[in-house]
Amino acid sequence: MMKFFINETDQIVNEAINGLLTNPELVKLDSFPEVRVVMRKDWDKSKVAVISGGGSGHEPAHAGFVGKGMLTAAVCGDIFASPTVDAVLSAILAATGPKGCLLIIKNYTGDRLNFGLAAEQARALGYEVKTVTVDDDIALGQDVRKRGLAGTLFVHKIAGQLAQEGKSLAEIAEIAQKVIDRTASIGLSLTECQHLGQETTSRLTDQEVELGLGIHGEPGIEVVAYAKADHLMALAIGKLEANLPDTKGRYAMIFNNMGSVSPIEMSLLVNAFSKTKLAAQVDYMVGPAALMSSINMSGFSVSVLLLDEEIEKALLADAEPAAWQMQPFGKPAEISSPKLPETLQYEPSLNPKVKQLIEETGSLLVAIEKEINALDAKVGDGDAGSTFALAGKRLLLVADKLPQNETGKLLLTIGRILAREAGGSSGVLLSILFTAAGNTFSKEPDLGKALLSGLQKVKDYGGAKAGDRTMIDALEPAFESLAKKESIQIAAQHARKGAEYTKTITNTKFGRSSYLSEAVLKDIPDPGAEVIARVFEQIASLNN
């Protein structure tokens, strides 16, 4: 069962609304919590009221978009459940003045019935009420009743802006319907949402994703194979492009996080979108952000709105809700980079044995990436394997351009490659090691002594020493062996012994291991030391 930040499951919505209401610009009706209506505090009923809402669990929609330039009020139901007729009626009566009220309804049966019946009751009481129903989901085709997705927020924004400008109810309703007719959305998710406080379930395997889900986790158009982000994005946008209101028009886009996609993944997905044909037609983007979420669904949705002059003007006007952030959408821009020293400063030279050593070592670092990451996840942050693999990939890429037959220059070049290409503490420390070793070797061509000199610089800068549970525990005995002119096979044995020794070091005050308990560290080698031992063993095997 997943863990959630909750108190009592029947109080989730009430407590979340109270958290939202720490914003002093918002208020709730005092019939709360039986009736959950969030309103603008400054509302004076002098203009058309714009009201929307629906089930909770889609935050920041709907109450998070209450504010000047967007919604006048939002009606909040239980999680994924439409608010009651009385709750909607309360919002209408509280917010509507002589200019009337527009209800923006998502195309779900519960919302249509409850909002629709409340509108009828309000009209019977003498209030002027118009409704529009948003049906922007294109996943299931044109022949079914289309669902309302995040494209609803375009309607909130434009209707809210026109109301702020003092337009009439008839004008606002007409343009709101035009926005609906010009909006299309589709979603794709790796998982369904998991309801707060309930048992975790899934209809998808780890190798499946779903295209075209609704915002409540309803099944989509199809289950497809899990694949790279670019492929999944192309699949979703291909469906969207087939249902555009104008294949050559200009669009605004909402890039919506369904709840639990990490920010770095969302930016990556925007990049994936920028590779599609549709990207060239998009002028503005809202997001990437959670805008109409599905509690914690690991998915995204893309909504596009066909622009015209009237829609664009209303869309670009400032709006008060912090959840609404619009920006221009375009290609990544560049400026000139400062000139850094060349990474490959020396003429390449060939040494078949050295080339084989570099290529075998690079391949090894790539091959053990997942294994070392898994090891590092037990005692660190889980990325040591990726750091070494990145260095390995770069060495493989430039192997033929290296001064293979000139050891000092080779050491210096590897140091520069690591400084430029490999991040993390391991990358920079190894860069220091190879650079210092190269400088020493150019003065005294003794590889073992040069490597020990480089290691001393690592100690000076990094602060660690043998016994501190780092890669130094494998490097130092191996380098000392080489300095004594012992064979690479003997040096490899020393490196392995040093790596194995780190399994017993459970009480160190240095680095990330100092934060971990003895129970966590026991019998787990330091990932960096393990990599060093593997590299020495690989080199030794080549020299048999």
Protein backbone atom coordinates (compact mmCIF):
# COMPACT_ATOMS: atom_id res chain seq x y z
CA MET A 1 0.00 0.00 0.00
CA MET A 2 1.29 3.44 -0.89
CA LYS A 3 1.85 6.02 1.83
CA PHE A 4 0.05 9.37 1.70
CA PHE A 5 -0.01 12.58 3.70
CA ILE A 6 -3.50 12.27 5.15
CA ASN A 7 -5.28 12.35 8.49
CA GLU A 8 -8.78 10.92 8.11
CA THR A 9 -9.88 9.85 4.63
CA ASP A 10 -13.28 11.51 5.01
CA GLN A 11 -11.63 14.85 5.80
CA ILE A 12 -9.13 15.01 2.91
CA VAL A 13 -11.11 17.46 0.79
CA ASN A 14 -12.16 19.67 3.72
CA GLU A 15 -8.62 19.98 5.04
CA ALA A 16 -7.20 20.62 1.57
CA ILE A 17 -9.69 23.44 0.98
CA ASN A 18 -8.79 24.99 4.32
CA GLY A 19 -5.14 24.80 3.28
CA LEU A 20 -5.97 26.62 0.05
CA LEU A 21 -7.86 29.28 1.98
CA THR A 22 -4.71 30.49 3.67
CA ASN A 23 -4.70 32.68 0.54
CA PRO A 24 -6.36 35.86 1.88
CA GLU A 25 -7.93 36.60 -1.52
CA LEU A 26 -10.25 33.59 -1.20
CA VAL A 27 -13.19 32.76 1.06
CA LYS A 28 -15.58 29.84 1.60
CA LEU A 29 -19.29 29.86 2.28
CA ASP A 30 -20.11 29.38 5.95
CA SER A 31 -22.22 26.32 5.08
CA PHE A 32 -18.86 24.53 4.74
CA PRO A 33 -18.18 21.60 4.88
CA GLU A 34 -21.67 20.41 3.89
CA VAL A 35 -21.37 22.82 0.97
CA ARG A 36 -17.87 23.37 -0.36
CA VAL A 37 -17.78 26.62 -2.34
CA VAL A 38 -14.61 28.73 -2.72
CA MET A 39 -15.10 32.33 -3.91
CA ARG A 40 -13.26 35.53 -4.62
CA LYS A 41 -13.21 37.61 -1.45
CA ASP A 42 -13.44 40.87 -3.41
CA TRP A 43 -16.47 39.82 -5.50
CA ASP A 44 -19.20 42.51 -5.63
CA LYS A 45 -21.60 40.91 -8.17
CA SER A 46 -21.24 43.87 -10.54
CA LYS A 47 -20.11 41.67 -13.43
CA VAL A 48 -20.97 38.26 -14.85
CA ALA A 49 -20.04 35.48 -12.45
CA VAL A 50 -18.03 32.57 -13.89
CA ILE A 51 -18.46 29.35 -11.92
CA SER A 52 -17.04 25.88 -12.44
CA GLY A 53 -16.14 22.87 -10.33
CA GLY A 54 -16.53 19.14 -10.04
CA GLY A 55 -14.99 16.34 -8.07
CA SER A 56 -11.90 17.02 -5.98
CA GLY A 57 -8.60 15.28 -6.71
CA HIS A 58 -7.84 17.46 -9.74
CA GLU A 59 -6.03 20.20 -7.87
CA PRO A 60 -5.24 22.99 -8.51
CA ALA A 61 -8.41 22.70 -10.58
CA HIS A 62 -10.92 23.94 -9.75
CA ALA A 63 -10.63 26.11 -6.64
CA GLY A 64 -7.01 26.96 -7.42
CA PHE A 65 -8.20 28.96 -10.43
CA VAL A 66 -10.55 31.20 -8.47
CA GLY A 67 -9.33 34.78 -8.76
CA LYS A 68 -9.49 37.94 -10.82
CA GLY A 69 -9.38 37.12 -14.52
CA MET A 70 -10.54 33.53 -14.07
CA LEU A 71 -13.22 31.91 -11.91
CA THR A 72 -15.52 33.78 -9.57
CA ALA A 73 -16.29 30.64 -7.60
CA ALA A 74 -15.59 26.90 -7.63
CA VAL A 75 -17.77 24.11 -6.27
CA CYS A 76 -15.86 21.14 -4.84
CA GLY A 77 -17.28 17.64 -4.55
CA ASP A 78 -15.76 14.63 -2.88
CA ILE A 79 -12.79 13.04 -4.63
CA PHE A 80 -13.82 12.32 -8.22
CA ALA A 81 -17.50 12.89 -7.32
CA SER A 82 -19.66 15.72 -8.63
CA PRO A 83 -20.78 18.28 -6.05
CA THR A 84 -24.46 18.18 -5.10
CA VAL A 85 -27.20 20.24 -6.66
CA ASP A 86 -27.48 22.29 -3.46
CA ALA A 87 -23.75 23.01 -3.46
CA VAL A 88 -23.86 24.27 -7.05
CA LEU A 89 -27.01 26.28 -6.34
CA SER A 90 -25.34 27.84 -3.31
CA ALA A 91 -22.46 29.01 -5.51
CA ILE A 92 -24.86 30.49 -8.07
CA LEU A 93 -26.89 32.36 -5.46
CA ALA A 94 -23.78 33.61 -3.63
CA ALA A 95 -21.97 34.87 -6.73
CA THR A 96 -24.64 35.98 -9.21
CA GLY A 97 -25.80 39.55 -9.58
CA PRO A 98 -27.92 41.33 -12.20
CA LYS A 99 -25.40 40.55 -15.01
CA GLY A 100 -25.99 36.78 -14.59
CA CYS A 101 -23.79 33.72 -14.31
CA LEU A 102 -21.98 31.29 -16.63
CA LEU A 103 -21.55 27.69 -15.48
CA ILE A 104 -18.61 25.86 -17.06
CA ILE A 105 -19.31 22.12 -16.87
CA LYS A 106 -17.01 19.22 -17.75
CA ASN A 107 -18.73 16.55 -19.82
CA TYR A 108 -19.33 13.90 -17.18
CA THR A 109 -22.77 12.61 -16.30
CA GLY A 110 -22.66 13.65 -12.65
CA ASP A 111 -21.46 17.16 -13.43
CA ARG A 112 -23.99 17.65 -16.23
CA LEU A 113 -26.88 16.53 -14.02
CA ASN A 114 -25.96 18.39 -10.83
CA PHE A 115 -24.84 21.62 -12.49
CA GLY A 116 -27.72 21.46 -14.97
CA LEU A 117 -30.41 20.95 -12.34
CA ALA A 118 -28.92 23.71 -10.16
CA ALA A 119 -29.02 26.05 -13.16
CA GLU A 120 -32.71 25.24 -13.70
CA GLN A 121 -33.50 25.91 -10.05
CA ALA A 122 -31.60 29.19 -10.13
CA ARG A 123 -33.49 30.31 -13.22
CA ALA A 124 -36.76 29.46 -11.47
CA LEU A 125 -35.64 31.81 -8.70
CA GLY A 126 -35.12 34.62 -11.21
CA TYR A 127 -31.38 34.36 -11.88
CA GLU A 128 -29.98 34.58 -15.38
CA VAL A 129 -27.81 31.51 -15.89
CA LYS A 130 -26.16 30.07 -18.99
CA THR A 131 -24.17 26.85 -19.24
CA VAL A 132 -21.44 25.50 -21.50
CA THR A 133 -20.15 21.92 -21.48
CA VAL A 134 -16.50 21.21 -22.21
CA ASP A 135 -15.76 18.04 -24.23
CA ASP A 136 -12.15 18.41 -25.35
CA ASP A 137 -11.00 14.76 -25.06
CA ILE A 138 -10.35 13.36 -28.56
CA ALA A 139 -9.05 9.95 -27.46
CA LEU A 140 -12.24 7.98 -28.06
CA GLY A 141 -13.16 9.64 -31.35
CA GLN A 142 -15.99 11.86 -32.48
CA ASP A 143 -18.82 9.32 -32.28
CA VAL A 144 -18.91 9.09 -28.49
CA ARG A 145 -19.69 11.60 -25.76
CA LYS A 146 -16.31 13.23 -25.31
CA ARG A 147 -14.97 13.83 -21.80
CA GLY A 148 -13.81 17.11 -20.33
CA LEU A 149 -10.08 17.32 -19.68
CA ALA A 150 -7.54 20.04 -18.93
CA GLY A 151 -8.69 22.05 -21.96
CA THR A 152 -11.47 23.22 -19.61
CA LEU A 153 -8.91 25.63 -18.16
CA PHE A 154 -8.79 27.55 -21.44
CA VAL A 155 -12.51 28.18 -21.01
CA HIS A 156 -12.00 29.29 -17.40
CA LYS A 157 -9.32 31.76 -18.48
CA ILE A 158 -11.05 33.31 -21.43
CA ALA A 159 -14.53 33.47 -19.91
CA GLY A 160 -13.05 34.87 -16.71
CA GLN A 161 -11.14 37.57 -18.57
CA LEU A 162 -14.15 38.62 -20.63
CA ALA A 163 -16.22 38.82 -17.44
CA GLN A 164 -13.50 40.95 -15.87
CA GLU A 165 -13.72 43.28 -18.87
CA GLY A 166 -17.47 43.68 -18.30
CA LYS A 167 -18.77 41.71 -21.28
CA SER A 168 -22.39 40.52 -21.23
CA LEU A 169 -23.42 36.98 -20.31
CA ALA A 170 -24.52 36.28 -23.87
CA GLU A 171 -21.16 37.44 -25.28
CA ILE A 172 -19.18 35.44 -22.76
CA ALA A 173 -21.21 32.27 -23.31
CA GLU A 174 -20.83 32.56 -27.09
CA ILE A 175 -17.05 32.97 -26.94
CA ALA A 176 -16.75 30.23 -24.31
CA GLN A 177 -18.48 27.85 -26.70
CA LYS A 178 -16.15 28.94 -29.48
CA VAL A 179 -13.18 28.11 -27.25
CA ILE A 180 -14.64 24.67 -26.55
CA ASP A 181 -15.12 24.03 -30.26
CA ARG A 182 -11.49 24.98 -30.92
CA THR A 183 -9.91 22.90 -28.11
CA ALA A 184 -8.58 19.34 -28.25
CA SER A 185 -6.85 17.27 -25.56
CA ILE A 186 -5.28 13.87 -25.05
CA GLY A 187 -3.58 12.18 -22.12
CA LEU A 188 -1.09 9.36 -21.68
CA SER A 189 -0.09 7.69 -18.44
CA LEU A 190 2.33 5.11 -17.09
CA THR A 191 0.00 4.32 -14.20
CA GLU A 192 -3.55 4.88 -13.06
CA CYS A 193 -4.11 7.18 -10.09
CA GLN A 194 -4.08 5.69 -6.61
CA HIS A 195 -6.85 6.92 -4.32
CA LEU A 196 -5.64 8.36 -1.05
CA GLY A 197 -5.84 5.87 1.78
CA GLN A 198 -6.91 2.96 -0.42
CA GLU A 199 -5.17 -0.21 -1.46
CA THR A 200 -2.87 0.13 -4.47
CA THR A 201 -4.20 -1.53 -7.61
CA SER A 202 -3.31 -1.43 -11.29
CA ARG A 203 -4.62 -2.82 -14.54
CA LEU A 204 -1.28 -2.04 -16.24
CA THR A 205 1.92 -4.06 -16.06
CA ASP A 206 5.36 -2.48 -15.77
CA GLN A 207 5.70 -2.81 -19.54
CA GLU A 208 2.41 -1.10 -20.43
CA VAL A 209 1.15 2.47 -20.63
CA GLU A 210 -2.30 3.76 -21.43
CA LEU A 211 -3.19 6.26 -24.10
CA GLY A 212 -6.23 8.45 -23.72
CA LEU A 213 -7.13 8.07 -20.05
CA GLY A 214 -9.79 10.26 -18.48
CA ILE A 215 -8.97 12.46 -15.51
CA HIS A 216 -10.44 9.91 -13.10
CA GLY A 217 -8.32 7.06 -14.42
CA GLU A 218 -11.03 5.80 -16.78
CA PRO A 219 -9.67 3.45 -19.46
CA GLY A 220 -8.27 5.12 -22.54
CA ILE A 221 -8.36 4.27 -26.18
CA GLU A 222 -5.67 1.58 -25.93
CA VAL A 223 -2.93 0.03 -23.85
CA VAL A 224 0.44 0.29 -25.59
CA ALA A 225 3.94 -0.98 -24.89
CA TYR A 226 6.13 1.08 -22.60
CA ALA A 227 8.77 2.85 -24.68
CA LYS A 228 11.07 5.86 -24.75
CA ALA A 229 9.53 9.26 -24.05
CA ASP A 230 9.94 10.52 -27.62
CA HIS A 231 8.03 7.54 -28.98
CA LEU A 232 5.20 7.83 -26.45
CA MET A 233 4.89 11.56 -27.08
CA ALA A 234 4.79 11.04 -30.84
CA LEU A 235 2.06 8.45 -30.37
CA ALA A 236 -0.10 10.78 -28.28
CA ILE A 237 0.43 13.83 -30.48
CA GLY A 238 -0.26 11.80 -33.60
CA LYS A 239 -3.75 11.10 -32.22
CA LEU A 240 -4.17 14.76 -31.34
CA GLU A 241 -3.07 16.00 -34.75
CA ALA A 242 -5.69 13.80 -36.42
CA ASN A 243 -8.38 15.69 -34.50
CA LEU A 244 -7.22 19.30 -34.74
CA PRO A 245 -9.83 21.92 -35.60
CA ASP A 246 -7.36 23.42 -38.10
CA THR A 247 -4.28 21.55 -39.29
CA LYS A 248 -2.46 24.77 -40.25
CA GLY A 249 -3.61 27.17 -37.52
CA ARG A 250 -1.74 28.72 -34.59
CA TYR A 251 -2.27 27.22 -31.13
CA ALA A 252 -1.83 27.75 -27.43
CA MET A 253 -1.03 24.66 -25.37
CA ILE A 254 -1.62 23.44 -21.82
CA PHE A 255 1.07 20.95 -20.80
CA ASN A 256 -0.45 19.22 -17.81
CA ASN A 257 1.11 16.95 -15.19
CA MET A 258 -1.46 14.39 -14.09
CA GLY A 259 -0.02 14.44 -10.60
CA SER A 260 3.18 12.52 -9.94
CA VAL A 261 5.50 13.05 -12.91
CA SER A 262 8.72 14.63 -11.62
CA PRO A 263 9.65 18.12 -12.82
CA ILE A 264 12.69 16.85 -14.72
CA GLU A 265 10.51 14.33 -16.58
CA MET A 266 8.00 17.06 -17.44
CA SER A 267 10.74 19.21 -18.96
CA LEU A 268 11.99 16.17 -20.86
CA LEU A 269 8.46 15.58 -22.15
CA VAL A 270 8.22 19.19 -23.34
CA ASN A 271 11.43 18.55 -25.26
CA ALA A 272 9.87 15.41 -26.71
CA PHE A 273 6.85 17.45 -27.77
CA SER A 274 9.11 20.03 -29.43
CA LYS A 275 10.25 17.28 -31.84
CA THR A 276 6.70 16.74 -33.14
CA LYS A 277 5.25 18.43 -36.18
CA LEU A 278 2.58 20.14 -34.05
CA ALA A 279 5.19 22.02 -32.02
CA ALA A 280 5.85 24.38 -34.91
CA GLN A 281 2.23 25.57 -34.68
CA VAL A 282 2.29 26.34 -30.93
CA ASP A 283 2.86 29.97 -29.90
CA TYR A 284 2.15 29.79 -26.15
CA MET A 285 2.36 27.22 -23.38
CA VAL A 286 0.79 26.99 -19.94
CA GLY A 287 2.96 24.75 -17.76
CA PRO A 288 4.49 22.26 -17.67
CA ALA A 289 2.75 21.92 -14.33
CA ALA A 290 0.04 20.10 -12.46
CA LEU A 291 -3.01 22.07 -13.62
CA MET A 292 -5.81 19.50 -13.75
CA SER A 293 -4.32 16.51 -11.98
CA SER A 294 -5.67 13.05 -11.27
CA ILE A 295 -4.46 12.84 -7.68
CA ASN A 296 -1.11 11.12 -8.31
CA MET A 297 -1.35 9.64 -11.80
CA SER A 298 2.05 9.28 -13.45
CA GLY A 299 1.02 10.78 -16.76
CA PHE A 300 0.62 13.94 -18.79
CA SER A 301 -1.96 15.53 -21.01
CA VAL A 302 -1.64 18.02 -23.82
CA SER A 303 -4.46 20.42 -24.65
CA VAL A 304 -4.35 22.79 -27.61
CA LEU A 305 -6.54 25.78 -28.42
CA LEU A 306 -6.84 27.21 -31.93
CA LEU A 307 -6.13 30.92 -31.67
CA ASP A 308 -7.82 33.90 -33.23
CA GLU A 309 -7.33 37.56 -32.33
CA GLU A 310 -10.13 37.69 -29.76
CA ILE A 311 -9.11 34.45 -28.02
CA GLU A 312 -5.42 35.34 -28.02
CA LYS A 313 -6.03 38.75 -26.43
CA ALA A 314 -8.11 37.27 -23.59
CA LEU A 315 -5.65 34.42 -23.11
CA LEU A 316 -2.66 36.74 -22.75
CA ALA A 317 -4.28 39.09 -20.24
CA ASP A 318 -2.94 38.86 -16.70
CA ALA A 319 -4.83 36.62 -14.29
CA GLU A 320 -4.61 36.55 -10.52
CA PRO A 321 -4.45 32.79 -9.71
CA ALA A 322 -0.87 31.70 -9.13
CA ALA A 323 -1.59 28.30 -10.68
CA TRP A 324 -2.03 29.92 -14.13
CA GLN A 325 1.30 30.70 -15.77
CA MET A 326 1.52 31.33 -19.49
CA GLN A 327 4.71 31.76 -21.46
CA PRO A 328 5.73 31.98 -25.11
CA PHE A 329 6.62 28.62 -26.65
CA GLY A 330 9.53 28.35 -29.04
CA LYS A 331 12.75 26.59 -29.85
CA PRO A 332 15.63 26.55 -27.33
CA ALA A 333 17.77 29.65 -27.80
CA GLU A 334 21.54 29.82 -27.66
CA ILE A 335 24.22 32.44 -27.11
CA SER A 336 27.93 32.08 -27.71
CA SER A 337 29.73 29.93 -25.17
CA PRO A 338 33.00 31.18 -23.65
CA LYS A 339 36.00 29.41 -25.14
CA LEU A 340 37.38 26.73 -22.84
CA PRO A 341 40.69 24.93 -23.27
CA GLU A 342 40.50 22.19 -25.86
CA THR A 343 39.76 18.80 -24.34
CA LEU A 344 41.83 17.01 -26.96
CA GLN A 345 44.95 19.17 -27.15
CA TYR A 346 47.41 16.60 -28.44
CA GLU A 347 47.87 14.86 -31.76
CA PRO A 348 46.48 11.32 -31.70
CA SER A 349 48.95 8.45 -31.72
CA LEU A 350 48.38 4.72 -31.97
CA ASN A 351 49.28 2.01 -29.50
CA PRO A 352 47.18 -1.13 -30.06
CA LYS A 353 47.57 -2.41 -26.50
CA VAL A 354 46.65 0.96 -24.99
CA LYS A 355 43.71 1.31 -27.36
CA GLN A 356 42.45 -2.12 -26.33
CA LEU A 357 42.85 -1.19 -22.67
CA ILE A 358 40.85 2.04 -23.13
CA GLU A 359 38.10 0.36 -25.13
CA GLU A 360 37.77 -2.61 -22.79
CA THR A 361 37.70 -0.31 -19.75
CA GLY A 362 35.14 1.99 -21.33
CA SER A 363 32.95 -0.97 -22.27
CA LEU A 364 33.20 -2.36 -18.75
CA LEU A 365 32.09 0.95 -17.19
CA VAL A 366 29.08 1.02 -19.49
CA ALA A 367 28.21 -2.63 -18.90
CA ILE A 368 28.17 -2.40 -15.10
CA GLU A 369 26.16 0.84 -14.90
CA LYS A 370 22.93 -0.70 -13.57
CA GLU A 371 24.74 -3.05 -11.19
CA ILE A 372 26.76 -0.22 -9.64
CA ASN A 373 23.72 2.06 -9.47
CA ALA A 374 21.86 -0.67 -7.59
CA LEU A 375 24.79 -1.06 -5.21
CA ASP A 376 25.03 2.70 -4.74
CA ALA A 377 21.30 2.93 -4.02
CA LYS A 378 21.92 0.84 -0.89
CA VAL A 379 24.54 3.20 0.54
CA GLY A 380 24.19 6.43 -1.46
CA ASP A 381 22.10 8.22 -4.03
CA GLY A 382 22.07 5.52 -6.70
CA ASP A 383 23.97 7.28 -9.49
CA ALA A 384 27.59 6.12 -9.15
CA GLY A 385 27.17 3.64 -11.99
CA SER A 386 25.82 6.34 -14.28
CA THR A 387 28.74 8.64 -13.47
CA PHE A 388 31.31 5.99 -14.38
CA ALA A 389 29.30 4.86 -17.43
CA LEU A 390 29.23 8.42 -18.77
CA ALA A 391 33.02 8.53 -18.52
CA GLY A 392 33.22 5.15 -20.23
CA LYS A 393 31.00 6.24 -23.11
CA ARG A 394 33.07 9.36 -23.66
CA LEU A 395 36.32 7.40 -23.69
CA LEU A 396 34.88 4.99 -26.25
CA LEU A 397 33.79 7.89 -28.40
CA VAL A 398 37.22 9.55 -28.53
CA ALA A 399 39.51 6.52 -28.22
CA ASP A 400 40.96 6.95 -31.73
CA LYS A 401 41.67 10.65 -31.06
CA LEU A 402 43.80 10.06 -27.96
CA PRO A 403 47.61 10.21 -27.73
CA GLN A 404 47.69 6.48 -26.99
CA ASN A 405 51.46 6.15 -27.35
CA GLU A 406 52.41 9.06 -25.05
CA THR A 407 51.51 8.18 -21.47
CA GLY A 408 51.88 11.63 -19.91
CA LYS A 409 49.76 13.33 -22.55
CA LEU A 410 47.24 10.48 -22.38
CA LEU A 411 46.83 10.92 -18.61
CA LEU A 412 46.37 14.68 -19.00
CA THR A 413 43.81 14.19 -21.77
CA ILE A 414 41.79 11.70 -19.76
CA GLY A 415 41.82 14.21 -16.91
CA ARG A 416 40.39 16.88 -19.21
CA ILE A 417 37.75 14.51 -20.59
CA LEU A 418 36.58 13.67 -17.09
CA ALA A 419 36.52 17.33 -16.08
CA ARG A 420 34.35 18.16 -19.09
CA GLU A 421 32.14 15.09 -19.28
CA ALA A 422 31.83 13.34 -15.89
CA GLY A 423 29.91 14.89 -13.03
CA GLY A 424 29.57 14.00 -9.39
CA SER A 425 32.34 13.69 -6.84
CA SER A 426 33.80 10.58 -8.50
CA GLY A 427 34.15 12.34 -11.85
CA VAL A 428 35.96 15.41 -10.55
CA LEU A 429 38.22 13.42 -8.20
CA LEU A 430 39.31 11.09 -11.01
CA SER A 431 39.89 14.16 -13.19
CA ILE A 432 42.18 15.54 -10.50
CA LEU A 433 43.94 12.18 -10.24
CA PHE A 434 44.67 11.83 -13.96
CA THR A 435 45.63 15.48 -14.43
CA ALA A 436 48.07 15.47 -11.53
CA ALA A 437 49.44 12.09 -12.61
CA GLY A 438 49.98 13.42 -16.13
CA ASN A 439 51.88 16.44 -14.85
CA THR A 440 54.07 14.24 -12.66
CA PHE A 441 54.71 11.72 -15.43
CA SER A 442 55.91 14.47 -17.78
CA LYS A 443 58.69 15.23 -15.26
CA GLU A 444 59.44 11.68 -14.11
CA PRO A 445 58.17 8.91 -16.44
CA ASP A 446 57.26 6.38 -13.77
CA LEU A 447 53.58 5.39 -14.02
CA GLY A 448 53.23 3.98 -10.51
CA LYS A 449 54.76 7.04 -8.87
CA ALA A 450 52.75 9.36 -11.12
CA LEU A 451 49.50 7.66 -10.14
CA LEU A 452 50.39 7.89 -6.45
CA SER A 453 51.13 11.59 -6.94
CA GLY A 454 47.73 12.02 -8.54
CA LEU A 455 46.11 10.13 -5.68
CA GLN A 456 47.75 12.47 -3.17
CA LYS A 457 46.09 15.40 -4.94
CA VAL A 458 42.76 13.58 -4.64
CA LYS A 459 43.35 13.28 -0.90
CA ASP A 460 44.32 16.93 -0.63
CA TYR A 461 41.21 18.17 -2.42
CA GLY A 462 38.70 15.54 -1.37
CA GLY A 463 39.76 15.10 2.24
CA ALA A 464 39.40 11.31 2.31
CA LYS A 465 42.14 8.80 3.11
CA ALA A 466 42.44 5.05 3.14
CA GLY A 467 39.98 3.58 5.64
CA ASP A 468 37.30 6.22 4.99
CA ARG A 469 35.26 3.85 2.81
CA THR A 470 35.86 5.45 -0.60
CA MET A 471 37.45 4.41 -3.88
CA ILE A 472 40.79 5.38 -2.30
CA ASP A 473 40.66 2.10 -0.39
CA ALA A 474 41.07 0.29 -3.73
CA LEU A 475 43.21 2.86 -5.53
CA GLU A 476 45.97 3.32 -2.96
CA PRO A 477 47.08 -0.30 -2.53
CA ALA A 478 46.92 -0.88 -6.29
CA PHE A 479 48.99 2.23 -7.06
CA GLU A 480 51.51 1.36 -4.34
CA SER A 481 51.87 -2.05 -5.93
CA LEU A 482 52.54 -0.50 -9.34
CA ALA A 483 55.06 1.91 -7.79
CA LYS A 484 56.92 -1.14 -6.45
CA LYS A 485 57.06 -2.48 -10.03
CA GLU A 486 54.77 -5.37 -9.19
CA SER A 487 52.69 -6.84 -11.99
CA ILE A 488 49.26 -5.57 -12.93
CA GLN A 489 47.86 -8.89 -11.74
CA ILE A 490 49.27 -8.28 -8.25
CA ALA A 491 48.00 -4.68 -8.33
CA ALA A 492 44.54 -5.97 -9.25
CA GLN A 493 44.62 -8.33 -6.28
CA HIS A 494 45.42 -5.39 -4.00
CA ALA A 495 42.59 -3.35 -5.51
CA ARG A 496 40.15 -6.22 -4.93
CA LYS A 497 41.36 -6.68 -1.36
CA GLY A 498 40.85 -2.94 -0.76
CA ALA A 499 37.33 -3.01 -2.19
CA GLU A 500 36.43 -6.04 -0.06
CA TYR A 501 37.83 -4.27 3.00
CA THR A 502 35.28 -1.47 2.56
CA LYS A 503 32.54 -4.00 3.39
CA THR A 504 33.89 -4.06 6.95
CA ILE A 505 34.12 -0.28 7.38
CA THR A 506 30.86 0.60 9.10
CA ASN A 507 31.95 3.53 11.26
CA THR A 508 33.37 6.41 9.27
CA LYS A 509 33.03 10.13 9.73
CA PHE A 510 33.74 10.91 6.08
CA GLY A 511 31.29 11.55 3.24
CA ARG A 512 27.83 10.11 2.74
CA SER A 513 28.69 6.90 4.59
CA SER A 514 28.91 8.95 7.79
CA TYR A 515 25.14 9.49 7.57
CA LEU A 516 24.32 5.78 7.44
CA SER A 517 23.98 3.19 10.15
CA GLU A 518 26.37 0.29 10.63
CA ALA A 519 23.55 -2.11 9.72
CA VAL A 520 23.11 -0.42 6.32
CA LEU A 521 26.84 -0.40 5.52
CA LYS A 522 27.71 -3.89 6.72
CA ASP A 523 28.77 -6.29 3.94
CA ILE A 524 28.18 -3.66 1.22
CA PRO A 525 31.33 -2.51 -0.63
CA ASP A 526 31.86 1.13 -1.47
CA PRO A 527 30.57 1.47 -5.06
CA GLY A 528 33.57 3.52 -6.21
CA ALA A 529 36.04 1.04 -4.73
CA GLU A 530 34.14 -1.81 -6.40
CA VAL A 531 34.41 -0.09 -9.80
CA ILE A 532 38.15 0.46 -9.34
CA ALA A 533 38.64 -3.21 -8.47
CA ARG A 534 36.64 -4.27 -11.55
CA VAL A 535 38.76 -1.99 -13.78
CA PHE A 536 42.04 -3.38 -12.45
CA GLU A 537 40.77 -6.94 -12.86
CA GLN A 538 39.78 -6.15 -16.45
CA ILE A 539 43.22 -4.71 -17.23
CA ALA A 540 44.91 -7.69 -15.56
CA SER A 541 42.91 -10.10 -17.70
CA LEU A 542 44.11 -8.34 -20.84
CA ASN A 543 47.73 -8.80 -19.79
CA ASN A 544 47.58 -12.54 -19.11
